[in-house]
Amino acid sequence: MFESEPFLHLYSLHFMLYYLKWALKIVILSLVLLSVTYTSTTHNPLPRTDKALVTTPDSSALRLQAARDALLVMDSVLAGVDSLKNTLDSNQQNFFVKKDYFEAVLKLPNKEENDSTRRVLVTGDSMGDGIFLALRKLRKKLGYKVDYAPWYGSTTSDWASSDKLKKYLSQYKPDLVIFLLGSNELFVPVSRKRAENVKKVVSMLNDTDYVWVGPPNWKKDWGTDSLLHAHVGSKRYFVSKDLKLERRPDKAHPSFKASEVWLDTLLRWTNKNPHIKFKFVPPAAQETQKVG
């Protein structure tokens, strides 16, 4: 249903590095103090009568040098930890899923609560978090099962150069794909290559019923939404950029409450769209449609 385990590992590693960094600070600072103490207690200056013959640094100078050496070691170690942490957390659009989202996902039941054979797959980037949770709440009422397979921090280039989407379609066999992508490229200049990537991704989706959900802009983009709209087409592209949505703490992802409003707008658009076969209607209405 939800590929949570890899992301839980990343999330745990992120915080492990955070606490490791502070632990190293404490250990290294303790070593500095020990070094300074050791230097001051073991340094035995020469007798006063010999000072004119031999020049040696005084104990305060030795302590200062020892402290400097230890601080250089600390800076080097902490720089390494920071480098690893920054590598994991480098994506501009929140590579690590927020804690509140994980808590919400972990509370979900492992089994679906309806026997519907209709399947919805939510995939793309992390903007699917709230959409997936909102869809979960409606699955019994509207008769469908929902799977979530996000690729956090992904771009059109990532999907175009990977067979991940094809694997997901084969694995989940969805009746409808809700594909969210573009938010990680809102502030990157558009290019011919990006247009080619979008066309390639669309070609992977053409054999299934799908809707491409555009980025819910939190500020004006650099042309990404227009490029996506142009190459996906109005029949399958849901424009989200003008929606006024409450945001999560990162100021980019819609809050879970706002995602329910976002989903409601999406479902209304989908149900009115003659080019999308899948409709979000109660099971009784589904039977009527089959008879009709």
Protein backbone atom coordinates (compact mmCIF):
# COMPACT_ATOMS: atom_id res chain seq x y z
CA MET A 1 0.00 0.00 0.00
CA PHE A 2 2.52 2.59 1.12
CA GLU A 3 6.24 2.24 0.71
CA SER A 4 6.95 3.76 4.12
CA GLU A 5 9.91 1.72 5.29
CA PRO A 6 12.64 3.31 3.13
CA PHE A 7 11.48 6.79 4.07
CA LEU A 8 11.27 5.93 7.75
CA HIS A 9 14.88 4.84 7.50
CA LEU A 10 15.87 8.15 5.91
CA TYR A 11 13.91 10.08 8.48
CA SER A 12 15.55 8.15 11.32
CA LEU A 13 19.01 8.64 9.79
CA HIS A 14 18.40 12.36 9.53
CA PHE A 15 17.70 12.67 13.25
CA MET A 16 20.43 10.20 14.15
CA LEU A 17 22.95 12.47 12.44
CA TYR A 18 21.50 15.48 14.24
CA TYR A 19 21.97 13.88 17.66
CA LEU A 20 25.34 12.42 16.65
CA LYS A 21 26.54 15.90 15.85
CA TRP A 22 25.66 17.17 19.32
CA ALA A 23 27.14 14.08 20.97
CA LEU A 24 30.41 14.67 19.12
CA LYS A 25 30.43 18.27 20.24
CA ILE A 26 30.14 17.20 23.87
CA VAL A 27 32.80 14.49 23.54
CA ILE A 28 35.30 16.70 21.72
CA LEU A 29 34.80 19.63 24.07
CA SER A 30 35.39 17.25 26.96
CA LEU A 31 38.61 16.14 25.29
CA VAL A 32 39.65 19.78 24.96
CA LEU A 33 39.21 20.31 28.69
CA LEU A 34 41.11 17.12 29.48
CA SER A 35 43.89 18.14 27.11
CA VAL A 36 44.20 21.55 28.68
CA THR A 37 44.18 20.06 32.18
CA TYR A 38 46.77 17.45 31.26
CA THR A 39 49.04 20.06 29.69
CA SER A 40 48.89 22.33 32.70
CA THR A 41 49.59 19.54 35.22
CA THR A 42 52.40 17.76 33.33
CA HIS A 43 54.36 20.79 32.16
CA ASN A 44 57.28 21.37 34.52
CA PRO A 45 59.13 24.57 33.73
CA LEU A 46 62.90 24.56 34.17
CA PRO A 47 64.42 25.98 37.36
CA ARG A 48 64.63 29.73 37.40
CA THR A 49 68.42 29.71 37.07
CA ASP A 50 68.22 27.81 33.74
CA LYS A 51 65.65 30.01 32.02
CA ALA A 52 68.33 32.20 30.57
CA LEU A 53 69.91 29.17 28.84
CA VAL A 54 66.82 27.39 27.48
CA THR A 55 63.68 28.99 26.05
CA THR A 56 60.45 27.02 26.52
CA PRO A 57 56.87 28.07 26.02
CA ASP A 58 54.98 28.81 29.21
CA SER A 59 52.08 26.64 30.33
CA SER A 60 49.38 29.09 29.18
CA ALA A 61 50.78 29.02 25.63
CA LEU A 62 50.77 25.22 25.64
CA ARG A 63 47.20 25.14 26.89
CA LEU A 64 46.13 27.57 24.20
CA GLN A 65 47.81 25.53 21.47
CA ALA A 66 46.27 22.30 22.76
CA ALA A 67 42.84 23.91 22.74
CA ARG A 68 43.35 25.17 19.20
CA ASP A 69 44.43 21.72 17.99
CA ALA A 70 41.43 20.09 19.61
CA LEU A 71 39.05 22.65 18.11
CA LEU A 72 40.52 21.99 14.65
CA VAL A 73 39.81 18.29 15.10
CA MET A 74 36.28 19.10 16.25
CA ASP A 75 35.66 21.35 13.25
CA SER A 76 36.90 18.63 10.89
CA VAL A 77 34.70 15.92 12.41
CA LEU A 78 31.61 18.11 12.58
CA ALA A 79 32.18 19.26 9.01
CA GLY A 80 32.08 15.62 7.94
CA VAL A 81 28.83 15.02 9.82
CA ASP A 82 27.33 18.20 8.38
CA SER A 83 28.36 17.16 4.88
CA LEU A 84 26.57 13.82 5.19
CA LYS A 85 23.51 15.43 6.74
CA ASN A 86 23.38 18.11 4.04
CA THR A 87 23.71 15.48 1.32
CA LEU A 88 20.65 13.70 2.66
CA ASP A 89 18.77 16.96 3.18
CA SER A 90 19.90 18.79 0.05
CA ASN A 91 16.70 18.92 -1.97
CA GLN A 92 15.06 22.35 -1.98
CA GLN A 93 11.61 20.85 -1.50
CA ASN A 94 11.90 18.98 1.76
CA PHE A 95 13.58 15.66 0.90
CA PHE A 96 12.68 14.32 4.32
CA VAL A 97 9.03 13.82 5.04
CA LYS A 98 7.77 15.83 7.99
CA LYS A 99 7.30 14.14 11.34
CA ASP A 100 3.58 14.94 11.43
CA TYR A 101 3.10 13.10 8.14
CA PHE A 102 4.86 9.98 9.41
CA GLU A 103 2.75 9.99 12.54
CA ALA A 104 -0.38 10.20 10.41
CA VAL A 105 0.74 7.37 8.12
CA LEU A 106 1.75 5.08 10.99
CA LYS A 107 -1.73 5.41 12.45
CA LEU A 108 -3.34 4.11 9.28
CA PRO A 109 -4.72 0.57 9.37
CA ASN A 110 -2.76 -1.99 7.42
CA LYS A 111 -5.81 -3.34 5.65
CA GLU A 112 -8.38 -1.57 3.52
CA GLU A 113 -11.87 -1.31 4.98
CA ASN A 114 -13.79 -2.07 1.80
CA ASP A 115 -13.90 -4.84 -0.78
CA SER A 116 -13.84 -2.59 -3.84
CA THR A 117 -11.82 -3.77 -6.80
CA ARG A 118 -11.20 -0.21 -8.01
CA ARG A 119 -7.67 1.01 -7.33
CA VAL A 120 -6.22 4.52 -7.25
CA LEU A 121 -2.47 5.08 -7.27
CA VAL A 122 -1.04 8.34 -5.98
CA THR A 123 2.56 8.87 -7.07
CA GLY A 124 5.02 11.58 -8.01
CA ASP A 125 6.75 13.91 -5.54
CA SER A 126 6.07 14.73 -1.88
CA MET A 127 3.08 16.93 -2.72
CA GLY A 128 1.10 13.68 -2.75
CA ASP A 129 1.33 13.36 1.04
CA GLY A 130 -1.83 15.27 1.86
CA ILE A 131 -3.73 14.05 -1.21
CA PHE A 132 -3.09 10.45 -0.23
CA LEU A 133 -4.25 10.95 3.36
CA ALA A 134 -7.36 12.79 2.18
CA LEU A 135 -8.15 10.01 -0.31
CA ARG A 136 -7.82 7.44 2.47
CA LYS A 137 -10.68 9.09 4.34
CA LEU A 138 -13.04 8.78 1.38
CA ARG A 139 -12.13 5.34 0.07
CA LYS A 140 -14.98 3.46 1.74
CA LYS A 141 -17.60 6.10 0.98
CA LEU A 142 -16.61 6.32 -2.69
CA GLY A 143 -15.61 2.68 -3.16
CA TYR A 144 -11.94 2.40 -4.06
CA LYS A 145 -8.60 1.31 -2.65
CA VAL A 146 -5.68 3.70 -2.68
CA ASP A 147 -1.94 3.06 -2.89
CA TYR A 148 0.85 5.57 -2.39
CA ALA A 149 4.27 5.31 -4.00
CA PRO A 150 6.05 8.68 -3.74
CA TRP A 151 9.50 9.57 -4.99
CA TYR A 152 10.54 12.38 -2.71
CA GLY A 153 12.47 15.26 -4.24
CA SER A 154 11.90 13.92 -7.75
CA THR A 155 11.80 15.93 -10.97
CA THR A 156 10.57 15.38 -14.52
CA SER A 157 14.13 14.40 -15.46
CA ASP A 158 14.17 11.71 -12.76
CA TRP A 159 10.94 10.11 -13.94
CA ALA A 160 11.78 10.40 -17.63
CA SER A 161 15.11 8.62 -17.16
CA SER A 162 13.75 5.88 -14.90
CA ASP A 163 11.48 2.87 -15.31
CA LYS A 164 9.99 3.48 -11.87
CA LEU A 165 6.63 4.62 -13.24
CA LYS A 166 6.30 1.56 -15.46
CA LYS A 167 7.09 -0.65 -12.47
CA TYR A 168 4.47 1.06 -10.35
CA LEU A 169 1.83 0.65 -13.04
CA SER A 170 2.69 -3.04 -13.33
CA GLN A 171 2.81 -3.56 -9.57
CA TYR A 172 -0.36 -1.74 -8.51
CA LYS A 173 -2.45 -2.10 -11.71
CA PRO A 174 -4.40 1.10 -10.94
CA ASP A 175 -7.67 2.13 -12.52
CA LEU A 176 -6.62 5.75 -12.02
CA VAL A 177 -3.22 7.35 -11.48
CA ILE A 178 -3.04 10.68 -9.64
CA PHE A 179 0.38 11.97 -10.61
CA LEU A 180 1.82 14.99 -8.80
CA LEU A 181 5.03 16.43 -10.23
CA GLY A 182 6.67 19.77 -10.88
CA SER A 183 7.03 21.39 -7.47
CA ASN A 184 10.77 20.70 -7.29
CA GLU A 185 11.28 22.63 -10.54
CA LEU A 186 9.11 25.69 -9.98
CA PHE A 187 12.10 27.99 -9.70
CA VAL A 188 14.31 26.44 -12.36
CA PRO A 189 14.27 28.06 -15.83
CA VAL A 190 12.25 26.06 -18.35
CA SER A 191 14.10 24.40 -21.19
CA ARG A 192 13.58 22.27 -24.29
CA LYS A 193 15.01 19.31 -22.40
CA ARG A 194 12.42 19.70 -19.66
CA ALA A 195 9.67 19.72 -22.28
CA GLU A 196 11.07 16.49 -23.72
CA ASN A 197 11.10 14.94 -20.24
CA VAL A 198 7.46 15.85 -19.70
CA LYS A 199 6.48 14.32 -23.04
CA LYS A 200 8.32 11.12 -22.15
CA VAL A 201 6.55 10.82 -18.82
CA VAL A 202 3.19 11.44 -20.49
CA SER A 203 3.95 8.66 -22.98
CA MET A 204 4.44 6.28 -20.03
CA LEU A 205 0.99 7.22 -18.69
CA ASN A 206 -0.91 7.14 -21.96
CA ASP A 207 -2.02 3.53 -21.57
CA THR A 208 -3.79 4.20 -18.28
CA ASP A 209 -6.43 6.56 -16.94
CA TYR A 210 -4.61 9.39 -15.20
CA VAL A 211 -4.66 12.99 -14.05
CA TRP A 212 -1.47 15.05 -13.70
CA VAL A 213 -1.93 17.37 -10.73
CA GLY A 214 0.02 20.58 -11.18
CA PRO A 215 2.11 22.12 -8.39
CA PRO A 216 0.23 24.07 -5.70
CA ASN A 217 2.44 27.16 -6.07
CA TRP A 218 3.35 29.00 -2.87
CA LYS A 219 4.82 31.83 -4.95
CA LYS A 220 5.06 32.68 -8.64
CA ASP A 221 6.98 30.07 -10.62
CA TRP A 222 9.37 30.55 -13.54
CA GLY A 223 7.19 29.00 -16.20
CA THR A 224 7.08 25.38 -15.04
CA ASP A 225 3.30 25.26 -14.65
CA SER A 226 2.71 26.66 -18.13
CA LEU A 227 5.17 24.17 -19.62
CA LEU A 228 3.48 21.24 -17.88
CA HIS A 229 0.03 22.43 -18.90
CA ALA A 230 1.10 22.82 -22.52
CA HIS A 231 2.65 19.36 -22.86
CA VAL A 232 0.28 17.33 -20.68
CA GLY A 233 -2.79 19.01 -22.13
CA SER A 234 -5.95 20.43 -20.59
CA LYS A 235 -7.73 17.07 -20.77
CA ARG A 236 -5.43 15.55 -18.17
CA TYR A 237 -3.77 18.47 -16.41
CA PHE A 238 -5.31 19.84 -13.22
CA VAL A 239 -4.14 23.38 -12.47
CA SER A 240 -3.43 23.91 -8.77
CA LYS A 241 -1.25 27.03 -8.82
CA ASP A 242 -4.06 29.50 -8.09
CA LEU A 243 -5.52 27.65 -5.11
CA LYS A 244 -5.23 29.44 -1.78
CA LEU A 245 -4.04 26.70 0.54
CA GLU A 246 -2.85 26.71 4.13
CA ARG A 247 0.74 25.42 4.30
CA ARG A 248 2.72 23.09 6.51
CA PRO A 249 5.65 24.55 8.51
CA ASP A 250 7.96 24.44 5.48
CA LYS A 251 5.68 27.03 3.79
CA ALA A 252 5.49 24.89 0.64
CA HIS A 253 3.48 21.70 1.25
CA PRO A 254 -0.26 22.20 1.83
CA SER A 255 -1.41 21.31 5.33
CA PHE A 256 -3.40 18.11 5.73
CA LYS A 257 -6.56 20.11 6.30
CA ALA A 258 -5.89 22.20 3.19
CA SER A 259 -5.14 19.02 1.22
CA GLU A 260 -8.73 17.91 1.82
CA VAL A 261 -9.93 21.12 0.17
CA TRP A 262 -7.41 20.60 -2.62
CA LEU A 263 -8.64 17.02 -3.15
CA ASP A 264 -12.29 18.08 -3.13
CA THR A 265 -11.55 20.55 -5.92
CA LEU A 266 -9.65 17.86 -7.82
CA LEU A 267 -12.44 15.28 -7.49
CA ARG A 268 -15.08 17.73 -8.69
CA TRP A 269 -12.93 18.52 -11.73
CA THR A 270 -12.29 14.82 -12.38
CA ASN A 271 -15.95 13.88 -12.17
CA LYS A 272 -16.86 16.57 -14.70
CA ASN A 273 -14.01 15.68 -17.05
CA PRO A 274 -15.30 13.46 -19.89
CA HIS A 275 -11.77 12.40 -20.79
CA ILE A 276 -11.20 10.66 -17.45
CA LYS A 277 -13.13 7.40 -17.14
CA PHE A 278 -12.68 6.92 -13.40
CA LYS A 279 -15.30 8.75 -11.34
CA PHE A 280 -15.34 9.36 -7.61
CA VAL A 281 -18.91 8.38 -6.85
CA PRO A 282 -20.50 6.09 -4.22
CA PRO A 283 -20.68 2.34 -4.97
CA ALA A 284 -24.42 2.53 -5.75
CA ALA A 285 -23.79 5.14 -8.43
CA GLN A 286 -20.99 2.98 -9.80
CA GLU A 287 -23.43 0.10 -10.29
CA THR A 288 -25.84 2.45 -12.03
CA GLN A 289 -23.09 3.54 -14.38
CA LYS A 290 -22.29 -0.10 -15.23
CA VAL A 291 -25.95 -0.84 -15.97
CA GLY A 292 -26.25 2.31 -18.05
